[in-house]
Amino acid sequence: MFTHGRRWWIIGLVTIGTVLNYLARSTLSVAAPTLKSAFAMSTREYSWVVATFQGAYTVMQPVAGWVLDHVGLRLGFALFAIGWSLANCAHALATGWGSLAFFRGLLGATEAAAIPSGLKAVSEWFPPKERTVATGWFNIGSSLGAMIAPPLVIFCILHWGWQAAFVVTGSVGLLWAALWYVGYRKPEHDRRLDPTERAYILAGREEAPAAKGADAWHAVLATREFWSIALPRFLAEPAWQTFNFFIPLYLSEVRHMELTQMAAFAWLPFLAADAGSLCGGYLAPWLMRRFGASLLTSRKLVMTLGTSLMFGPACIGLADSAGVAIALFCVGGFAHQMLSGALMTLSADVFDSRVVATATGMAGSAAWIGGLAFSLIVGAVADTVGYHPLFASLAVLDVLAAVALWVLLRKRPASHA
């Protein structure tokens, strides 16, 4: 069983894990209108709750990446999944915004392993020409989890209360952790992998001696390639985090949508984001085949196209109805996931597979610093200047990210430690 195309079975397993990771983190944003009322939270206090997640996630991404490179993807990803599942369930114990923020911090610290894990799996199981496709597939998990959250969480709130929403969305991760630990092996050690497919996977690798611990962090930080990925991710990440944490609140407070209306429509931008992930994943190898674009140039072109579509959220202030606003969010979701997949794949393209989780975690920290800063800005000024200028600024940040990528990442380097 699974003797042909097993690498796609593996990326399917990673995708399910990413879905459950983002389902857990998206529960708060969907429940935000209910929790703001229950805890008498202001928008600023809600932004602080969001910021505790983002801060913990930011700090932990390099640590999580190093753990994954040190103990291995099989054990490491399973342990982090158990951690984020239990942390999400614990949200049900919150009695105010302070305790809610504490549990959010625990969730952020444990969820930080998801993207480094996915990229490490891609680097271990896929040759370079297939990596954007694989990343596109597992990256749909982020938007698919956010897409499932509105109807599921609102159903739980209406029938069992907000506490049940966190318990339900947290518990399913425990089942996945067991499935991952049983099902994952590196291709060199997977007895169900066909020898022909194993040879195909390993043929594309160019591995160098891998640095360990702090040496690995220093080796990554010392490269121009790292900063050419980290700076664009810092500039581009605020868009996705704003969509994840503030769309339901915006639809409730500005567009005056009821919970049942949000359950029916708030998932649509994330469905569009799924399409963007897949489109970006397949577009890069098509550009290489059709126009002879180099590996890195194909990533840059996908990033640029995604950036050009970010006019969607920039124009939300001009929308005359909630339906048009959601449609423009859909354009933004498609655009961002197209460009973010290309950006994330670059870590697997330019770093050795044995330190790719470390490199991805460090670049992820840069991204989340940008997201954290922007969320605090939203919390500070949304009640006074409104959301619309903030949405417009997201497009500007993505343009700057594309410019930074073209300027800094000039040619494909040799493999780095």
Protein backbone atom coordinates (compact mmCIF):
# COMPACT_ATOMS: atom_id res chain seq x y z
CA MET A 1 0.00 0.00 0.00
CA PHE A 2 1.19 3.55 -0.80
CA THR A 3 4.14 2.26 -2.80
CA HIS A 4 3.66 4.89 -5.54
CA GLY A 5 3.22 8.58 -4.90
CA ARG A 6 3.78 8.14 -1.18
CA ARG A 7 5.29 11.62 -0.97
CA TRP A 8 1.82 12.99 -1.78
CA TRP A 9 0.31 10.90 0.99
CA ILE A 10 2.87 12.44 3.35
CA ILE A 11 2.03 16.00 2.27
CA GLY A 12 -1.65 15.15 2.71
CA LEU A 13 -0.91 14.21 6.32
CA VAL A 14 0.97 17.48 6.80
CA THR A 15 -1.99 19.35 5.30
CA ILE A 16 -4.42 17.81 7.79
CA GLY A 17 -2.12 18.85 10.63
CA THR A 18 -1.98 22.41 9.27
CA VAL A 19 -5.78 22.48 8.98
CA LEU A 20 -6.17 21.53 12.65
CA ASN A 21 -3.47 24.00 13.68
CA TYR A 22 -5.26 26.90 11.99
CA LEU A 23 -8.67 25.68 13.12
CA ALA A 24 -7.46 25.97 16.71
CA ARG A 25 -5.97 29.43 16.27
CA SER A 26 -8.99 30.72 14.30
CA THR A 27 -11.45 29.76 17.03
CA LEU A 28 -10.73 32.96 18.95
CA SER A 29 -11.37 35.33 16.04
CA VAL A 30 -14.75 33.73 15.31
CA ALA A 31 -15.70 33.77 18.99
CA ALA A 32 -14.37 37.33 19.45
CA PRO A 33 -17.75 39.14 19.30
CA THR A 34 -19.14 36.73 21.92
CA LEU A 35 -16.05 36.96 24.14
CA LYS A 36 -15.89 40.75 23.92
CA SER A 37 -19.38 40.84 25.33
CA ALA A 38 -18.82 38.11 27.92
CA PHE A 39 -15.59 39.64 29.25
CA ALA A 40 -16.44 43.32 28.53
CA MET A 41 -13.31 43.57 26.34
CA SER A 42 -12.45 46.62 24.29
CA THR A 43 -10.91 46.28 20.82
CA ARG A 44 -7.57 47.29 22.31
CA GLU A 45 -7.78 44.58 25.00
CA TYR A 46 -8.70 42.07 22.29
CA SER A 47 -5.61 43.14 20.34
CA TRP A 48 -3.52 42.45 23.46
CA VAL A 49 -4.96 38.93 23.64
CA VAL A 50 -4.06 38.46 19.98
CA ALA A 51 -0.62 39.94 20.67
CA THR A 52 0.18 37.38 23.38
CA PHE A 53 -0.35 34.62 20.82
CA GLN A 54 1.72 36.46 18.25
CA GLY A 55 4.49 37.27 20.71
CA ALA A 56 4.82 33.69 21.94
CA TYR A 57 4.64 32.40 18.37
CA THR A 58 7.33 34.84 17.28
CA VAL A 59 9.74 33.89 20.05
CA MET A 60 9.15 30.17 19.69
CA GLN A 61 9.48 29.73 15.93
CA PRO A 62 13.30 29.57 15.89
CA VAL A 63 13.22 27.38 19.00
CA ALA A 64 10.61 25.08 17.47
CA GLY A 65 12.63 24.91 14.25
CA TRP A 66 15.77 23.93 16.14
CA VAL A 67 13.85 21.29 18.14
CA LEU A 68 12.47 19.79 14.94
CA ASP A 69 15.93 19.69 13.34
CA HIS A 70 17.42 18.25 16.55
CA VAL A 71 14.89 15.55 17.61
CA GLY A 72 13.47 14.85 14.16
CA LEU A 73 10.21 15.72 12.46
CA ARG A 74 8.33 12.60 13.49
CA LEU A 75 8.60 13.09 17.27
CA GLY A 76 8.87 16.86 17.26
CA PHE A 77 5.73 17.61 15.25
CA ALA A 78 3.69 15.12 17.31
CA LEU A 79 4.77 16.70 20.61
CA PHE A 80 3.96 20.22 19.43
CA ALA A 81 0.55 19.07 18.16
CA ILE A 82 -0.28 17.60 21.56
CA GLY A 83 0.80 20.87 23.14
CA TRP A 84 -1.34 23.13 20.96
CA SER A 85 -4.36 20.83 21.31
CA LEU A 86 -4.25 20.95 25.11
CA ALA A 87 -3.57 24.70 25.14
CA ASN A 88 -6.58 25.37 22.94
CA CYS A 89 -8.85 23.25 25.13
CA ALA A 90 -7.63 25.23 28.15
CA HIS A 91 -9.18 28.42 26.71
CA ALA A 92 -12.47 27.12 28.09
CA LEU A 93 -11.14 27.89 31.59
CA ALA A 94 -10.70 31.62 30.88
CA THR A 95 -12.62 34.02 33.13
CA GLY A 96 -11.50 37.34 31.64
CA TRP A 97 -9.26 38.83 29.00
CA GLY A 98 -6.16 38.37 31.18
CA SER A 99 -6.57 34.61 31.58
CA LEU A 100 -7.62 34.36 27.95
CA ALA A 101 -4.37 36.07 26.98
CA PHE A 102 -2.39 33.59 29.09
CA PHE A 103 -3.89 30.60 27.31
CA ARG A 104 -3.37 32.31 23.97
CA GLY A 105 0.31 32.61 24.80
CA LEU A 106 0.51 28.88 25.46
CA LEU A 107 -1.22 28.21 22.15
CA GLY A 108 1.15 30.48 20.26
CA ALA A 109 4.22 28.86 21.79
CA THR A 110 3.13 25.36 20.73
CA GLU A 111 1.61 26.21 17.34
CA ALA A 112 4.88 27.81 16.25
CA ALA A 113 6.12 24.46 14.94
CA ALA A 114 3.50 24.05 12.19
CA ILE A 115 5.06 25.92 9.26
CA PRO A 116 8.67 24.87 10.02
CA SER A 117 7.41 21.28 10.19
CA GLY A 118 5.65 21.56 6.86
CA LEU A 119 8.68 23.04 5.12
CA LYS A 120 10.97 20.42 6.65
CA ALA A 121 8.68 17.68 5.34
CA VAL A 122 8.74 19.30 1.89
CA SER A 123 12.55 19.49 1.93
CA GLU A 124 12.84 15.83 3.03
CA TRP A 125 10.25 14.36 0.67
CA PHE A 126 10.29 16.47 -2.52
CA PRO A 127 12.84 17.37 -5.20
CA PRO A 128 13.24 21.13 -5.83
CA LYS A 129 11.00 21.28 -8.92
CA GLU A 130 8.01 19.96 -6.93
CA ARG A 131 8.46 21.96 -3.75
CA THR A 132 6.17 24.89 -4.55
CA VAL A 133 3.44 22.43 -5.50
CA ALA A 134 3.89 20.54 -2.23
CA THR A 135 4.01 23.79 -0.26
CA GLY A 136 0.86 24.97 -2.04
CA TRP A 137 -0.96 21.84 -0.95
CA PHE A 138 0.06 21.92 2.70
CA ASN A 139 -0.37 25.70 2.82
CA ILE A 140 -4.06 25.33 1.95
CA GLY A 141 -4.33 23.90 5.44
CA SER A 142 -3.91 27.38 6.89
CA SER A 143 -6.84 28.80 4.96
CA LEU A 144 -8.90 25.60 5.12
CA GLY A 145 -8.66 25.59 8.90
CA ALA A 146 -9.72 29.24 8.99
CA MET A 147 -12.52 28.41 6.54
CA ILE A 148 -13.92 25.59 8.68
CA ALA A 149 -13.78 27.69 11.85
CA PRO A 150 -16.74 30.08 11.34
CA PRO A 151 -19.52 27.50 10.84
CA LEU A 152 -18.07 25.01 13.34
CA VAL A 153 -17.28 27.50 16.10
CA ILE A 154 -20.57 29.36 15.73
CA PHE A 155 -22.46 26.05 15.81
CA CYS A 156 -20.72 25.18 19.09
CA ILE A 157 -21.41 28.62 20.57
CA LEU A 158 -25.10 28.56 19.67
CA HIS A 159 -25.68 25.01 20.93
CA TRP A 160 -23.21 24.45 23.79
CA GLY A 161 -21.57 27.77 24.63
CA TRP A 162 -18.26 29.39 23.73
CA GLN A 163 -16.25 27.08 26.00
CA ALA A 164 -17.26 24.07 23.93
CA ALA A 165 -15.91 25.71 20.78
CA PHE A 166 -12.37 25.64 22.17
CA VAL A 167 -12.67 22.10 23.53
CA VAL A 168 -13.98 20.70 20.24
CA THR A 169 -11.42 22.44 18.01
CA GLY A 170 -8.60 21.50 20.37
CA SER A 171 -9.41 17.84 20.91
CA VAL A 172 -9.17 16.76 17.28
CA GLY A 173 -5.47 17.67 17.24
CA LEU A 174 -4.72 14.88 19.72
CA LEU A 175 -6.00 12.29 17.27
CA TRP A 176 -3.87 13.74 14.48
CA ALA A 177 -0.72 13.69 16.66
CA ALA A 178 -1.09 9.93 17.10
CA LEU A 179 -1.69 9.44 13.37
CA TRP A 180 1.41 11.50 12.53
CA TYR A 181 3.69 9.60 14.91
CA VAL A 182 2.55 6.26 13.53
CA GLY A 183 2.59 7.28 9.87
CA TYR A 184 5.65 9.49 9.33
CA ARG A 185 9.18 8.37 8.48
CA LYS A 186 11.96 10.02 6.49
CA PRO A 187 12.16 8.63 2.94
CA GLU A 188 15.45 6.89 3.76
CA HIS A 189 13.67 4.87 6.49
CA ASP A 190 10.16 4.42 5.11
CA ARG A 191 9.69 0.74 4.29
CA ARG A 192 6.45 1.44 2.39
CA LEU A 193 8.25 3.74 -0.06
CA ASP A 194 8.91 2.29 -3.51
CA PRO A 195 12.68 2.24 -4.29
CA THR A 196 12.12 4.11 -7.55
CA GLU A 197 10.29 6.91 -5.77
CA ARG A 198 12.96 6.99 -3.07
CA ALA A 199 15.66 7.42 -5.69
CA TYR A 200 13.62 10.17 -7.37
CA ILE A 201 13.26 12.06 -4.09
CA LEU A 202 16.87 11.74 -2.99
CA ALA A 203 18.36 12.55 -6.41
CA GLY A 204 17.53 16.24 -6.07
CA ARG A 205 19.24 16.76 -2.75
CA GLU A 206 22.46 18.64 -2.26
CA GLU A 207 23.26 18.28 1.39
CA ALA A 208 26.10 19.92 3.26
CA PRO A 209 27.30 19.19 6.79
CA ALA A 210 24.59 20.58 9.05
CA ALA A 211 25.46 22.92 11.89
CA LYS A 212 23.93 22.31 15.30
CA GLY A 213 22.31 24.48 17.96
CA ALA A 214 23.44 28.08 18.13
CA ASP A 215 25.92 27.43 15.31
CA ALA A 216 23.00 26.66 13.01
CA TRP A 217 21.25 29.90 13.99
CA HIS A 218 24.42 31.90 13.41
CA ALA A 219 25.12 30.20 10.09
CA VAL A 220 21.61 31.00 8.85
CA LEU A 221 21.66 34.62 10.10
CA ALA A 222 25.00 35.24 8.39
CA THR A 223 23.60 34.63 4.91
CA ARG A 224 22.18 37.23 2.54
CA GLU A 225 19.63 34.64 1.45
CA PHE A 226 18.08 34.49 4.91
CA TRP A 227 17.46 38.24 4.98
CA SER A 228 16.12 38.18 1.43
CA ILE A 229 13.38 35.85 2.74
CA ALA A 230 12.93 37.29 6.23
CA LEU A 231 12.40 40.93 5.21
CA PRO A 232 9.68 40.20 2.62
CA ARG A 233 7.95 37.88 5.11
CA PHE A 234 8.10 40.65 7.75
CA LEU A 235 6.33 43.01 5.35
CA ALA A 236 3.81 40.52 3.92
CA GLU A 237 2.66 38.70 7.06
CA PRO A 238 0.46 41.50 8.52
CA ALA A 239 -2.11 40.90 5.76
CA TRP A 240 -2.71 37.25 6.62
CA GLN A 241 -2.79 37.82 10.37
CA THR A 242 -5.21 40.71 9.95
CA PHE A 243 -7.49 38.49 7.88
CA ASN A 244 -7.31 35.69 10.45
CA PHE A 245 -7.78 37.75 13.60
CA PHE A 246 -9.97 40.68 12.52
CA ILE A 247 -12.30 39.72 9.64
CA PRO A 248 -15.08 38.39 11.93
CA LEU A 249 -14.74 41.40 14.23
CA TYR A 250 -14.84 43.77 11.25
CA LEU A 251 -17.92 42.08 9.79
CA SER A 252 -19.65 42.26 13.17
CA GLU A 253 -18.75 45.82 14.17
CA VAL A 254 -18.56 47.63 10.82
CA ARG A 255 -20.84 45.60 8.55
CA HIS A 256 -23.23 44.66 11.42
CA MET A 257 -23.47 40.99 10.50
CA GLU A 258 -25.07 38.54 12.93
CA LEU A 259 -23.35 35.32 14.02
CA THR A 260 -25.51 33.24 11.69
CA GLN A 261 -24.61 35.49 8.74
CA MET A 262 -20.92 35.18 9.54
CA ALA A 263 -21.26 31.40 9.70
CA ALA A 264 -22.67 31.51 6.18
CA PHE A 265 -20.18 33.92 4.59
CA ALA A 266 -17.03 34.56 6.69
CA TRP A 267 -15.37 31.37 5.42
CA LEU A 268 -15.38 32.47 1.77
CA PRO A 269 -12.12 34.49 1.87
CA PHE A 270 -10.36 31.40 3.15
CA LEU A 271 -11.80 29.25 0.37
CA ALA A 272 -10.34 31.79 -2.06
CA ALA A 273 -7.07 31.56 -0.14
CA ASP A 274 -7.03 27.79 -0.74
CA ALA A 275 -7.28 28.44 -4.47
CA GLY A 276 -4.44 30.96 -4.21
CA SER A 277 -2.20 28.42 -2.46
CA LEU A 278 -2.73 25.83 -5.17
CA CYS A 279 -2.51 28.31 -8.03
CA GLY A 280 0.77 29.72 -6.75
CA GLY A 281 2.15 26.23 -6.17
CA TYR A 282 1.50 25.07 -9.75
CA LEU A 283 2.33 28.42 -11.36
CA ALA A 284 6.03 28.38 -10.40
CA PRO A 285 6.92 25.08 -12.16
CA TRP A 286 4.77 26.13 -15.14
CA LEU A 287 6.81 29.31 -15.48
CA MET A 288 9.98 27.21 -15.40
CA ARG A 289 8.70 24.87 -18.13
CA ARG A 290 6.97 27.44 -20.34
CA PHE A 291 9.37 30.38 -20.17
CA GLY A 292 12.58 28.81 -18.88
CA ALA A 293 12.48 30.83 -15.66
CA SER A 294 15.07 29.83 -13.08
CA LEU A 295 13.99 28.25 -9.81
CA LEU A 296 14.27 31.47 -7.81
CA THR A 297 12.92 33.71 -10.56
CA SER A 298 9.77 31.58 -10.73
CA ARG A 299 9.23 32.21 -7.00
CA LYS A 300 9.75 35.96 -7.49
CA LEU A 301 7.25 36.10 -10.35
CA VAL A 302 4.59 34.30 -8.30
CA MET A 303 5.23 36.71 -5.43
CA THR A 304 4.84 39.69 -7.78
CA LEU A 305 1.59 38.45 -9.29
CA GLY A 306 0.12 37.85 -5.85
CA THR A 307 1.16 41.33 -4.77
CA SER A 308 -0.57 42.91 -7.78
CA LEU A 309 -3.86 41.33 -6.68
CA MET A 310 -3.75 42.87 -3.22
CA PHE A 311 -5.89 45.74 -4.55
CA GLY A 312 -8.81 43.74 -3.15
CA PRO A 313 -8.41 44.57 0.55
CA ALA A 314 -7.08 48.02 -0.38
CA CYS A 315 -10.50 48.87 -1.84
CA ILE A 316 -12.68 47.48 0.94
CA GLY A 317 -13.42 50.99 2.16
CA LEU A 318 -15.15 51.67 -1.17
CA ALA A 319 -17.47 48.67 -0.82
CA ASP A 320 -21.13 49.66 -0.48
CA SER A 321 -22.26 46.38 1.07
CA ALA A 322 -21.04 43.53 3.23
CA GLY A 323 -21.21 41.21 0.22
CA VAL A 324 -18.83 43.35 -1.83
CA ALA A 325 -16.50 43.65 1.17
CA ILE A 326 -16.38 39.86 1.50
CA ALA A 327 -15.69 39.54 -2.24
CA LEU A 328 -12.74 41.92 -1.90
CA PHE A 329 -11.49 39.94 1.10
CA CYS A 330 -11.65 36.89 -1.19
CA VAL A 331 -9.35 38.61 -3.69
CA GLY A 332 -6.98 39.45 -0.84
CA GLY A 333 -7.04 35.90 0.54
CA PHE A 334 -6.27 34.45 -2.90
CA ALA A 335 -3.48 36.97 -3.47
CA HIS A 336 -1.80 36.56 -0.12
CA GLN A 337 -1.71 32.78 -0.07
CA MET A 338 -0.34 32.77 -3.61
CA LEU A 339 2.58 34.99 -2.64
CA SER A 340 3.16 33.51 0.81
CA GLY A 341 3.58 29.99 -0.56
CA ALA A 342 6.34 31.21 -2.86
CA LEU A 343 8.05 33.03 0.00
CA MET A 344 7.92 30.07 2.37
CA THR A 345 9.22 27.62 -0.23
CA LEU A 346 12.37 29.69 -0.63
CA SER A 347 13.68 28.36 2.70
CA ALA A 348 13.60 24.83 1.31
CA ASP A 349 15.18 26.06 -1.92
CA VAL A 350 18.24 27.76 -0.44
CA PHE A 351 18.95 25.89 2.82
CA ASP A 352 20.02 22.32 3.54
CA SER A 353 17.10 20.07 4.53
CA ARG A 354 18.70 19.32 7.91
CA VAL A 355 18.46 22.97 8.98
CA VAL A 356 15.50 24.09 6.90
CA ALA A 357 13.17 24.04 9.93
CA THR A 358 15.59 26.30 11.81
CA ALA A 359 15.79 28.70 8.85
CA THR A 360 12.02 28.63 8.36
CA GLY A 361 11.43 29.27 12.06
CA MET A 362 13.76 32.24 12.09
CA ALA A 363 12.18 33.75 8.98
CA GLY A 364 8.81 33.04 10.55
CA SER A 365 9.82 35.04 13.61
CA ALA A 366 10.56 38.01 11.38
CA ALA A 367 7.14 37.56 9.76
CA TRP A 368 5.34 37.39 13.08
CA ILE A 369 7.12 40.45 14.43
CA GLY A 370 5.55 42.29 11.50
CA GLY A 371 2.17 40.72 12.18
CA LEU A 372 2.34 41.47 15.90
CA ALA A 373 3.24 45.12 15.32
CA PHE A 374 0.41 45.58 12.84
CA SER A 375 -2.15 43.90 15.11
CA LEU A 376 -1.23 46.28 17.91
CA ILE A 377 -1.66 49.18 15.49
CA VAL A 378 -5.11 47.86 14.52
CA GLY A 379 -6.07 47.58 18.18
CA ALA A 380 -4.84 51.09 18.92
CA VAL A 381 -6.44 52.99 16.04
CA ALA A 382 -9.30 50.90 14.58
CA ASP A 383 -11.87 52.44 16.93
CA THR A 384 -10.81 55.96 15.93
CA VAL A 385 -9.68 55.97 12.27
CA GLY A 386 -11.53 52.82 11.24
CA TYR A 387 -10.41 49.60 9.57
CA HIS A 388 -10.39 50.79 5.95
CA PRO A 389 -7.11 52.77 5.94
CA LEU A 390 -5.47 49.81 7.68
CA PHE A 391 -6.67 47.38 5.01
CA ALA A 392 -5.33 49.70 2.30
CA SER A 393 -1.92 49.81 3.96
CA LEU A 394 -1.65 46.01 3.70
CA ALA A 395 -1.35 46.30 -0.07
CA VAL A 396 1.44 48.86 0.29
CA LEU A 397 3.35 46.53 2.61
CA ASP A 398 3.08 43.67 0.12
CA VAL A 399 4.43 45.86 -2.68
CA LEU A 400 7.42 46.72 -0.50
CA ALA A 401 7.87 43.00 0.23
CA ALA A 402 8.01 42.18 -3.49
CA VAL A 403 10.54 44.94 -4.12
CA ALA A 404 12.72 43.68 -1.26
CA LEU A 405 12.66 40.13 -2.65
CA TRP A 406 13.74 41.21 -6.13
CA VAL A 407 16.50 43.45 -4.78
CA LEU A 408 17.98 41.10 -2.17
CA LEU A 409 17.65 37.63 -3.74
CA ARG A 410 19.74 37.92 -6.86
CA LYS A 411 20.76 34.39 -7.81
CA ARG A 412 20.57 30.87 -6.56
CA PRO A 413 23.30 30.15 -4.03
CA ALA A 414 25.05 26.95 -3.20
CA SER A 415 23.54 24.99 -0.28
CA HIS A 416 24.05 26.62 3.12
CA ALA A 417 24.56 25.07 6.49
